[in-house]
Amino acid sequence: MSQTVSLPVSLPLQHVRRFARYNAWANTRLYDACAALPQADYMAARPSFFGSLHNTLNHILVGDSIWMGRFTAQPATHITALDQILHTDFAALRSARAAMDAAIIAFCDGLDDAALGGTFTYTNTRGQTFTDPLFPPLTHFFNHQTHHRGQAHGLLSQAGAAAPELDLIYFLRADA
């Protein structure tokens, strides 16, 4: 009978898996706060890079779709612009967000140290092909989400909503 030996997971792999879960946690909190807003306030034009809370949340999903397509070698060919509106209503966007968060967790959980230390090849939105190490773009992927969630957080405040705590430390304390 063969015995499976479980090797300890490296710190970079732990980091990526933790950030996948943090991402889902923060998105859930952000979407819960948005759900409490009146529709008009949620959709309202506001001074921001993407012009509204709804558009900002769409952009985060656009970016995630592009990068996950690259990471999994299944390009998101339905994405044509970084400001593309993938879902015009909140419920559909929230459902797509939850599905993407589950896919991100599954992808990160499926990585091992060899994959995380390896490379991947993708074609960017300008048609240029690159081969990059996986770990730095994966950390960029999570940083991009955090950056735009911060913008959405500010837009919630502009709408007069109670913006939730999204800092990683709150997730770590909740997860402990």
Protein backbone atom coordinates (compact mmCIF):
# COMPACT_ATOMS: atom_id res chain seq x y z
CA MET A 1 0.00 0.00 0.00
CA SER A 2 1.46 3.36 -0.99
CA GLN A 3 1.35 6.25 1.38
CA THR A 4 0.82 9.85 0.28
CA VAL A 5 3.24 12.26 1.86
CA SER A 6 1.90 15.74 2.34
CA LEU A 7 4.58 18.37 1.99
CA PRO A 8 4.21 21.72 3.70
CA VAL A 9 2.80 24.46 1.50
CA SER A 10 5.27 27.27 0.76
CA LEU A 11 4.68 30.78 2.03
CA PRO A 12 4.07 32.18 -1.48
CA LEU A 13 1.43 29.50 -2.12
CA GLN A 14 -0.18 30.21 1.27
CA HIS A 15 -0.15 33.91 0.39
CA VAL A 16 -1.91 33.37 -2.96
CA ARG A 17 -4.55 31.10 -1.43
CA ARG A 18 -5.15 33.56 1.41
CA PHE A 19 -5.56 36.43 -1.04
CA ALA A 20 -8.06 34.44 -3.09
CA ARG A 21 -10.18 34.05 0.02
CA TYR A 22 -9.63 37.64 1.14
CA ASN A 23 -10.74 38.80 -2.30
CA ALA A 24 -14.01 36.84 -2.04
CA TRP A 25 -14.59 38.08 1.52
CA ALA A 26 -14.01 41.72 0.58
CA ASN A 27 -16.19 41.45 -2.51
CA THR A 28 -19.03 39.94 -0.49
CA ARG A 29 -18.85 42.78 2.03
CA LEU A 30 -18.70 45.40 -0.73
CA TYR A 31 -21.62 43.91 -2.66
CA ASP A 32 -23.67 43.59 0.55
CA ALA A 33 -23.16 47.32 1.14
CA CYS A 34 -24.12 48.11 -2.46
CA ALA A 35 -27.26 45.99 -2.15
CA ALA A 36 -28.42 48.23 0.71
CA LEU A 37 -28.35 51.30 -1.53
CA PRO A 38 -31.39 52.50 -3.44
CA GLN A 39 -31.00 51.58 -7.12
CA ALA A 40 -30.72 55.24 -8.15
CA ASP A 41 -27.84 55.85 -5.72
CA TYR A 42 -26.06 52.68 -6.81
CA MET A 43 -26.29 53.60 -10.50
CA ALA A 44 -25.75 57.37 -10.07
CA ALA A 45 -23.04 59.10 -12.05
CA ARG A 46 -20.27 60.13 -9.66
CA PRO A 47 -16.89 61.78 -10.10
CA SER A 48 -14.64 58.76 -10.51
CA PHE A 49 -12.51 57.03 -13.10
CA PHE A 50 -15.32 54.75 -14.31
CA GLY A 51 -18.13 57.20 -13.62
CA SER A 52 -20.28 55.20 -11.19
CA LEU A 53 -20.24 52.51 -8.58
CA HIS A 54 -21.83 50.04 -10.99
CA ASN A 55 -19.26 50.77 -13.70
CA THR A 56 -16.39 50.41 -11.23
CA LEU A 57 -17.63 46.99 -10.10
CA ASN A 58 -18.00 45.97 -13.74
CA HIS A 59 -14.38 47.01 -14.38
CA ILE A 60 -13.12 44.83 -11.54
CA LEU A 61 -14.92 41.86 -13.10
CA VAL A 62 -13.55 42.77 -16.54
CA GLY A 63 -9.99 42.81 -15.18
CA ASP A 64 -10.51 39.54 -13.33
CA SER A 65 -11.95 37.92 -16.45
CA ILE A 66 -8.98 39.01 -18.55
CA TRP A 67 -6.37 37.83 -16.05
CA MET A 68 -8.12 34.55 -15.20
CA GLY A 69 -8.37 33.87 -18.94
CA ARG A 70 -4.64 34.42 -19.21
CA PHE A 71 -3.80 32.30 -16.17
CA THR A 72 -5.95 29.40 -17.34
CA ALA A 73 -5.11 29.68 -21.07
CA GLN A 74 -8.80 30.32 -21.79
CA PRO A 75 -8.80 33.93 -23.04
CA ALA A 76 -11.80 36.10 -22.25
CA THR A 77 -12.58 36.82 -25.90
CA HIS A 78 -15.90 38.41 -24.94
CA ILE A 79 -14.02 41.33 -23.36
CA THR A 80 -13.48 44.17 -25.83
CA ALA A 81 -12.70 47.13 -23.53
CA LEU A 82 -11.54 47.76 -19.98
CA ASP A 83 -14.65 49.85 -19.31
CA GLN A 84 -17.00 47.27 -20.82
CA ILE A 85 -20.27 46.77 -18.98
CA LEU A 86 -20.62 43.01 -18.64
CA HIS A 87 -23.86 43.20 -16.65
CA THR A 88 -26.33 46.08 -16.71
CA ASP A 89 -28.11 45.14 -13.49
CA PHE A 90 -26.76 44.63 -9.99
CA ALA A 91 -28.18 41.13 -9.43
CA ALA A 92 -26.52 39.70 -12.55
CA LEU A 93 -23.24 41.45 -11.73
CA ARG A 94 -23.32 40.12 -8.16
CA SER A 95 -23.96 36.59 -9.38
CA ALA A 96 -21.10 36.83 -11.88
CA ARG A 97 -18.84 38.24 -9.15
CA ALA A 98 -19.59 35.30 -6.84
CA ALA A 99 -18.89 32.84 -9.66
CA MET A 100 -15.60 34.57 -10.47
CA ASP A 101 -14.56 34.56 -6.82
CA ALA A 102 -15.24 30.82 -6.63
CA ALA A 103 -13.19 30.31 -9.82
CA ILE A 104 -10.31 32.34 -8.40
CA ILE A 105 -10.28 30.28 -5.20
CA ALA A 106 -10.42 27.02 -7.18
CA PHE A 107 -7.58 28.18 -9.44
CA CYS A 108 -5.37 29.19 -6.50
CA ASP A 109 -6.19 26.02 -4.58
CA GLY A 110 -5.20 24.01 -7.66
CA LEU A 111 -1.75 25.56 -7.82
CA ASP A 112 1.28 23.87 -6.39
CA ASP A 113 4.73 25.31 -5.79
CA ALA A 114 5.98 24.21 -9.22
CA ALA A 115 3.09 25.95 -11.00
CA LEU A 116 3.41 29.08 -8.88
CA GLY A 117 7.13 29.21 -9.64
CA GLY A 118 6.57 28.50 -13.33
CA THR A 119 5.65 30.65 -16.29
CA PHE A 120 2.57 31.20 -18.41
CA THR A 121 2.11 32.56 -21.91
CA TYR A 122 -0.68 34.89 -22.93
CA THR A 123 -1.63 37.48 -25.50
CA ASN A 124 -2.57 40.90 -24.17
CA THR A 125 -5.36 43.16 -25.38
CA ARG A 126 -3.01 44.72 -27.96
CA GLY A 127 -2.20 41.35 -29.51
CA GLN A 128 1.28 41.09 -28.01
CA THR A 129 2.33 37.68 -26.68
CA PHE A 130 4.27 37.38 -23.45
CA THR A 131 5.70 34.61 -21.32
CA ASP A 132 5.92 35.71 -17.70
CA PRO A 133 6.54 34.08 -14.35
CA LEU A 134 3.16 33.37 -12.74
CA PHE A 135 3.69 34.71 -9.22
CA PRO A 136 4.24 38.46 -9.93
CA PRO A 137 1.22 38.87 -12.28
CA LEU A 138 -0.91 36.88 -9.83
CA THR A 139 0.00 39.29 -7.05
CA HIS A 140 -0.73 42.18 -9.46
CA PHE A 141 -4.14 40.59 -10.11
CA PHE A 142 -5.01 40.80 -6.39
CA ASN A 143 -3.54 44.30 -6.08
CA HIS A 144 -5.70 45.49 -9.00
CA GLN A 145 -8.83 44.22 -7.26
CA THR A 146 -7.89 45.94 -4.01
CA HIS A 147 -7.17 49.22 -5.80
CA HIS A 148 -10.57 49.36 -7.49
CA ARG A 149 -12.45 48.09 -4.43
CA GLY A 150 -10.96 51.13 -2.70
CA GLN A 151 -12.47 53.34 -5.39
CA ALA A 152 -15.83 51.61 -4.98
CA HIS A 153 -15.53 52.09 -1.22
CA GLY A 154 -15.13 55.83 -1.76
CA LEU A 155 -18.15 55.87 -4.06
CA LEU A 156 -20.21 54.15 -1.38
CA SER A 157 -19.22 56.93 0.99
CA GLN A 158 -20.25 59.54 -1.60
CA ALA A 159 -23.65 57.83 -1.76
CA GLY A 160 -24.00 58.22 2.01
CA ALA A 161 -23.77 54.48 2.64
CA ALA A 162 -21.94 52.82 5.49
CA ALA A 163 -18.83 51.58 3.69
CA PRO A 164 -17.61 48.30 5.19
CA GLU A 165 -14.13 47.60 6.53
CA LEU A 166 -12.23 45.89 3.72
CA ASP A 167 -8.67 45.92 5.03
CA LEU A 168 -6.84 42.61 4.99
CA ILE A 169 -6.29 42.76 8.74
CA TYR A 170 -10.04 42.54 9.33
CA PHE A 171 -10.20 39.45 7.14
CA LEU A 172 -7.29 37.87 9.00
CA ARG A 173 -8.95 38.54 12.34
CA ALA A 174 -12.30 37.19 11.10
CA ASP A 175 -10.59 34.13 9.66
CA ALA A 176 -8.61 33.39 12.84
